[in-house]
Every structure is written in structure tokens, then in C-alpha cells.
C-alpha atoms as a PDB file:
ATOM      1  CA  MET A   1       6.762  -5.572  10.202  1.00  0.00           C
ATOM      2  CA  GLY A   2       4.983  -1.746  10.769  1.00  0.00           C
ATOM      3  CA  ALA A   3       2.742   0.598   8.993  1.00  0.00           C
ATOM      4  CA  SER A   4       2.383   0.283   5.274  1.00  0.00           C
ATOM      5  CA  VAL A   5       4.384   2.913   3.539  1.00  0.00           C
ATOM      6  CA  MET A   6       3.651   1.473  -0.161  1.00  0.00           C
ATOM      7  CA  ARG A   7       0.897  -0.672  -1.523  1.00  0.00           C
ATOM      8  CA  ARG A   8       0.926  -2.603  -5.340  1.00  0.00           C
ATOM      9  CA  MET A   9      -2.388  -3.475  -6.278  1.00  0.00           C
ATOM     10  CA  VAL A  10      -3.038  -7.216  -6.670  1.00  0.00           C
ATOM     11  CA  HIS A  11      -5.944  -9.825  -7.207  1.00  0.00           C
ATOM     12  CA  PRO A  12      -4.496 -12.951  -6.231  1.00  0.00           C
ATOM     13  CA  PRO A  13      -6.647 -16.194  -6.569  1.00  0.00           C
ATOM     14  CA  GLY A  14      -8.286 -17.099  -3.693  1.00  0.00           C
ATOM     15  CA  MET A  15      -9.275 -13.554  -2.238  1.00  0.00           C
ATOM     16  CA  GLU A  16     -12.895 -13.558  -3.212  1.00  0.00           C
ATOM     17  CA  ALA A  17     -13.564 -16.675  -1.383  1.00  0.00           C
ATOM     18  CA  LEU A  18     -11.709 -15.266   1.916  1.00  0.00           C
ATOM     19  CA  VAL A  19     -13.772 -11.513   1.728  1.00  0.00           C
ATOM     20  CA  ALA A  20     -16.705 -13.778   0.964  1.00  0.00           C
ATOM     21  CA  ARG A  21     -15.473 -15.948   4.507  1.00  0.00           C
ATOM     22  CA  VAL A  22     -15.102 -12.858   6.565  1.00  0.00           C
ATOM     23  CA  ALA A  23     -18.568 -11.466   5.421  1.00  0.00           C
ATOM     24  CA  ALA A  24     -20.443 -14.363   5.798  1.00  0.00           C
ATOM     25  CA  ALA A  25     -18.802 -14.947   9.349  1.00  0.00           C
ATOM     26  CA  THR A  26     -19.297 -10.905  10.798  1.00  0.00           C
ATOM     27  CA  GLY A  27     -22.225  -9.573   8.835  1.00  0.00           C
ATOM     28  CA  PHE A  28     -20.310  -6.778   7.986  1.00  0.00           C
ATOM     29  CA  HIS A  29     -21.892  -5.056   5.166  1.00  0.00           C
ATOM     30  CA  GLY A  30     -19.461  -1.714   3.799  1.00  0.00           C
ATOM     31  CA  LEU A  31     -16.044  -0.699   3.271  1.00  0.00           C
ATOM     32  CA  CYS A  32     -13.493  -2.726   4.998  1.00  0.00           C
ATOM     33  CA  GLY A  33      -9.722  -3.400   4.955  1.00  0.00           C
ATOM     34  CA  PHE A  34      -7.820  -6.966   5.470  1.00  0.00           C
ATOM     35  CA  ASP A  35      -4.206  -7.188   6.482  1.00  0.00           C
ATOM     36  CA  TRP A  36      -2.983 -10.358   5.104  1.00  0.00           C
ATOM     37  CA  VAL A  37       0.236 -12.505   3.588  1.00  0.00           C
ATOM     38  CA  GLN A  38       0.273 -15.208   0.698  1.00  0.00           C
ATOM     39  CA  ASP A  39       2.477 -18.053   1.099  1.00  0.00           C
ATOM     40  CA  ALA A  40       5.439 -17.583  -1.172  1.00  0.00           C
ATOM     41  CA  GLU A  41       5.453 -21.234  -2.403  1.00  0.00           C
ATOM     42  CA  SER A  42       1.618 -22.464  -1.928  1.00  0.00           C
ATOM     43  CA  GLY A  43       0.192 -19.255  -2.869  1.00  0.00           C
ATOM     44  CA  ARG A  44      -2.591 -19.666   0.227  1.00  0.00           C
ATOM     45  CA  ILE A  45      -3.710 -16.594   1.144  1.00  0.00           C
ATOM     46  CA  MET A  46      -3.820 -15.905   5.359  1.00  0.00           C
ATOM     47  CA  LEU A  47      -5.773 -13.170   6.776  1.00  0.00           C
ATOM     48  CA  LEU A  48      -4.085 -11.005   9.329  1.00  0.00           C
ATOM     49  CA  GLU A  49      -6.690  -8.987  10.680  1.00  0.00           C
ATOM     50  CA  PHE A  50     -10.248  -7.547   9.379  1.00  0.00           C
ATOM     51  CA  HIS A  51     -10.792  -3.489   9.566  1.00  0.00           C
ATOM     52  CA  PRO A  52     -14.397  -2.974   9.643  1.00  0.00           C
ATOM     53  CA  ARG A  53     -14.011   0.349   8.444  1.00  0.00           C
ATOM     54  CA  THR A  54     -12.765   2.825   5.337  1.00  0.00           C
ATOM     55  CA  PRO A  55      -8.917   1.881   4.862  1.00  0.00           C
ATOM     56  CA  SER A  56      -6.840   4.406   4.314  1.00  0.00           C
ATOM     57  CA  GLY A  57      -6.044   3.406   0.467  1.00  0.00           C
ATOM     58  CA  PHE A  58      -9.702   3.219  -0.444  1.00  0.00           C
ATOM     59  CA  GLY A  59      -8.331   5.801  -3.001  1.00  0.00           C
ATOM     60  CA  TRP A  60      -6.679   3.987  -5.008  1.00  0.00           C
ATOM     61  CA  GLY A  61      -9.325   1.531  -5.962  1.00  0.00           C
ATOM     62  CA  ARG A  62      -9.145   3.231  -9.374  1.00  0.00           C
ATOM     63  CA  TYR A  63      -5.783   1.925  -9.514  1.00  0.00           C
ATOM     64  CA  ALA A  64      -7.200  -1.653  -9.927  1.00  0.00           C
ATOM     65  CA  GLY A  65     -10.006  -0.783 -11.948  1.00  0.00           C
ATOM     66  CA  VAL A  66     -12.759  -0.732  -8.688  1.00  0.00           C
ATOM     67  CA  ASP A  67     -15.281   2.333  -8.588  1.00  0.00           C
ATOM     68  CA  VAL A  68     -15.253   3.603  -5.092  1.00  0.00           C
ATOM     69  CA  PRO A  69     -17.670   6.141  -5.004  1.00  0.00           C
ATOM     70  CA  ALA A  70     -20.228   3.789  -7.082  1.00  0.00           C
ATOM     71  CA  ALA A  71     -19.672   1.463  -4.440  1.00  0.00           C
ATOM     72  CA  LEU A  72     -19.885   4.204  -1.672  1.00  0.00           C
ATOM     73  CA  ARG A  73     -23.152   5.735  -3.420  1.00  0.00           C
ATOM     74  CA  ASP A  74     -24.742   1.809  -3.388  1.00  0.00           C
ATOM     75  CA  VAL A  75     -23.819   0.782   0.162  1.00  0.00           C
ATOM     76  CA  ILE A  76     -25.440   4.369   1.161  1.00  0.00           C
ATOM     77  CA  ASN A  77     -28.510   4.213  -0.754  1.00  0.00           C
ATOM     78  CA  ASP A  78     -28.655   0.803   0.308  1.00  0.00           C
ATOM     79  CA  GLN A  79     -28.503  -1.135  -2.858  1.00  0.00           C
ATOM     80  CA  PRO A  80     -27.175  -4.194  -3.817  1.00  0.00           C
ATOM     81  CA  LEU A  81     -23.444  -4.050  -4.854  1.00  0.00           C
ATOM     82  CA  ILE A  82     -22.819  -4.564  -8.519  1.00  0.00           C
ATOM     83  CA  ALA A  83     -20.569  -6.915  -9.375  1.00  0.00           C
ATOM     84  CA  ARG A  84     -17.322  -5.583 -10.760  1.00  0.00           C
ATOM     85  CA  ALA A  85     -14.677  -7.457 -12.111  1.00  0.00           C
ATOM     86  CA  PRO A  86     -11.103  -6.223 -11.250  1.00  0.00           C
ATOM     87  CA  LEU A  87      -8.539  -5.654 -13.565  1.00  0.00           C
ATOM     88  CA  PRO A  88      -6.884  -8.582 -15.107  1.00  0.00           C
ATOM     89  CA  GLN A  89      -3.952 -10.284 -13.090  1.00  0.00           C
ATOM     90  CA  ALA A  90      -1.568  -8.901 -16.324  1.00  0.00           C
ATOM     91  CA  ASP A  91      -2.732  -5.684 -15.872  1.00  0.00           C
ATOM     92  CA  PHE A  92      -1.936  -5.861 -12.027  1.00  0.00           C
ATOM     93  CA  GLN A  93       2.071  -6.201 -12.813  1.00  0.00           C
ATOM     94  CA  HIS A  94       1.815  -3.062 -14.355  1.00  0.00           C
ATOM     95  CA  ALA A  95      -0.575  -1.475 -11.982  1.00  0.00           C
ATOM     96  CA  PRO A  96       1.633   1.597  -9.987  1.00  0.00           C
ATOM     97  CA  LEU A  97       3.015   1.711  -6.555  1.00  0.00           C
ATOM     98  CA  CYS A  98       0.730   3.786  -4.437  1.00  0.00           C
ATOM     99  CA  CYS A  99       3.297   5.704  -2.048  1.00  0.00           C
ATOM    100  CA  TYR A 100       2.136   6.982   1.549  1.00  0.00           C
ATOM    101  CA  PHE A 101       2.677  11.092   2.377  1.00  0.00           C
ATOM    102  CA  PRO A 102       4.703  11.160   4.818  1.00  0.00           C
ATOM    103  CA  ALA A 103       5.213   7.916   5.663  1.00  0.00           C
ATOM    104  CA  HIS A 104       7.476   6.263   2.585  1.00  0.00           C
ATOM    105  CA  VAL A 105       8.920   9.694   2.071  1.00  0.00           C
ATOM    106  CA  TRP A 106      10.473   8.795   6.000  1.00  0.00           C
ATOM    107  CA  PHE A 107      11.273   5.638   5.191  1.00  0.00           C
ATOM    108  CA  ALA A 108      13.512   6.108   2.193  1.00  0.00           C
ATOM    109  CA  LEU A 109      14.949   8.759   4.099  1.00  0.00           C
ATOM    110  CA  ARG A 110      15.572   6.651   6.853  1.00  0.00           C
ATOM    111  CA  ARG A 111      16.717   3.027   5.437  1.00  0.00           C
ATOM    112  CA  GLN A 112      16.192   2.800   2.264  1.00  0.00           C
ATOM    113  CA  TRP A 113      17.111   6.035  -0.156  1.00  0.00           C
ATOM    114  CA  GLN A 114      16.347   4.347  -3.288  1.00  0.00           C
ATOM    115  CA  ASP A 115      12.997   4.442  -2.840  1.00  0.00           C
ATOM    116  CA  LEU A 116      12.844   8.357  -3.033  1.00  0.00           C
ATOM    117  CA  LYS A 117      13.065   7.849  -6.993  1.00  0.00           C
ATOM    118  CA  TYR A 118       9.366   6.905  -7.039  1.00  0.00           C
ATOM    119  CA  TRP A 119       8.410  10.652  -5.988  1.00  0.00           C
ATOM    120  CA  LEU A 120      10.355  11.697  -9.167  1.00  0.00           C
ATOM    121  CA  PRO A 121       8.037  12.407 -12.463  1.00  0.00           C
ATOM    122  CA  GLY A 122       8.370   9.394 -15.195  1.00  0.00           C
ATOM    123  CA  ALA A 123       7.944   6.760 -11.850  1.00  0.00           C
ATOM    124  CA  ASN A 124       5.191   3.928 -11.927  1.00  0.00           C
ATOM    125  CA  ALA A 125       3.961   5.593  -8.959  1.00  0.00           C
ATOM    126  CA  VAL A 126       1.361   7.409  -7.627  1.00  0.00           C
ATOM    127  CA  SER A 127       3.097   9.680  -4.922  1.00  0.00           C
ATOM    128  CA  TRP A 128       2.275  12.793  -5.772  1.00  0.00           C
ATOM    129  CA  ARG A 129      -1.388  12.365  -5.245  1.00  0.00           C
ATOM    130  CA  ASN A 130      -1.740  11.724  -1.643  1.00  0.00           C
ATOM    131  CA  ILE A 131       0.512  15.117  -0.559  1.00  0.00           C
ATOM    132  CA  PRO A 132      -2.053  17.319   1.079  1.00  0.00           C
ATOM    133  CA  VAL A 133      -1.725  20.329  -1.007  1.00  0.00           C
ATOM    134  CA  ASP A 134      -5.054  21.094   0.284  1.00  0.00           C
ATOM    135  CA  ASP A 135      -3.299  21.797   3.976  1.00  0.00           C
ATOM    136  CA  PRO A 136      -0.255  23.788   2.766  1.00  0.00           C
ATOM    137  CA  ARG A 137       0.666  24.235   6.657  1.00  0.00           C
ATOM    138  CA  VAL A 138       1.307  19.746   6.506  1.00  0.00           C
ATOM    139  CA  LEU A 139       3.269  20.182   3.417  1.00  0.00           C
ATOM    140  CA  PHE A 140       5.385  23.017   4.433  1.00  0.00           C
ATOM    141  CA  GLY A 141       5.813  22.002   7.853  1.00  0.00           C
ATOM    142  CA  PHE A 142       6.861  18.551   6.671  1.00  0.00           C
ATOM    143  CA  LEU A 143       9.648  20.037   4.598  1.00  0.00           C
ATOM    144  CA  PRO A 144      12.021  21.499   7.335  1.00  0.00           C
ATOM    145  CA  ALA A 145      12.358  18.298   8.553  1.00  0.00           C
ATOM    146  CA  VAL A 146      13.087  16.333   5.374  1.00  0.00           C
ATOM    147  CA  GLY A 147      15.700  19.286   5.194  1.00  0.00           C
ATOM    148  CA  ARG A 148      17.545  18.520   8.311  1.00  0.00           C
ATOM    149  CA  ARG A 149      17.431  14.843   7.488  1.00  0.00           C
ATOM    150  CA  LEU A 150      19.397  15.277   4.000  1.00  0.00           C
ATOM    151  CA  VAL A 151      21.850  17.502   5.607  1.00  0.00           C
ATOM    152  CA  ARG A 152      22.673  14.700   7.949  1.00  0.00           C
ATOM    153  CA  ALA A 153      22.616  12.173   5.798  1.00  0.00           C
ATOM    154  CA  CYS A 154      24.976  14.315   3.327  1.00  0.00           C
ATOM    155  CA  ARG A 155      27.517  14.734   6.200  1.00  0.00           C
ATOM    156  CA  SER A 156      27.533  11.526   7.484  1.00  0.00           C
ATOM    157  CA  GLY A 157      28.510  10.262   3.750  1.00  0.00           C
ATOM    158  CA  LEU A 158      24.770   8.207   3.187  1.00  0.00           C
END
């Protein structure tokens, strides 16, 4: 295991109950994240870690039918959170993959070349949306390292 490089939005049965138990046990109220695994056979969800801070992928809530800005407004204004129904499970099957930049690119270049397809137009992924185009130094500082990696890979026969 390691850091996330890609995510898919899901809404497994039992997740709401797990979140409610964590909230009741900790008294936490606000944006947070969870690391969890789901048993493939039983479907049981097991909590690995609770993060009482804004998760890095909070901006991707829109792909799960969640209005994160509205929820933030409610928290800041100490308003009751409006219960918003997530997307039906069937729609999650078509939800795009959410790829982190630059972590996912590094993962693809180092371990799994076929994952570079998620950075191409037409892929069912939201890769380009989190590239820091507002800070060209970060983006262009990354490109030479990618070029060097590609050259090494081509020389070694991929």
C-alpha cells in the first residue's frame, strides 16, 4: 500500500453507518476523510484511518453527486447539513477515475505504463482537471523529469 494515485467514487452499503459511528464516537463535525477497505466476499467495510481534515480529493465530490461548496457553506455558517442523496449505485459504475497529478503520472511511468491512457482525451478519467495550470513553474518543472524517464524507458525497451 502507499499514497493514493487514483480514486473511483463509490458508495458501498454500510458506509453511512460507519461514518455516523465515527462522528458519534469522536464528536467531529466538518470535512474529513476515511481510509477503508471492503472485504470482497462479505462486503463488510473496515475502517483503517480517520482523517479529521479536508481530504485531498474533496473537489471530486461532484462526480459522486455531492455539492461540496454547499456543504462547506453549511459548516461555516453553523447550519444543519442538508442530507443529500448520493448518486445511485448504478451511476457509480460509470463514474470517472480521479487521477492525482503528479503522483499518478509517476506511478504510470514507473510501474504501469498502460495507466498513461487515463491522461489521453476520451478516457473515463478526470486527470487534466487537477494539473496546476495556475502555477506553470510546477507544471513545467515536472516535464523535464517525465522526459528523462521516457528516454530511459525507451532505451531499456519499456
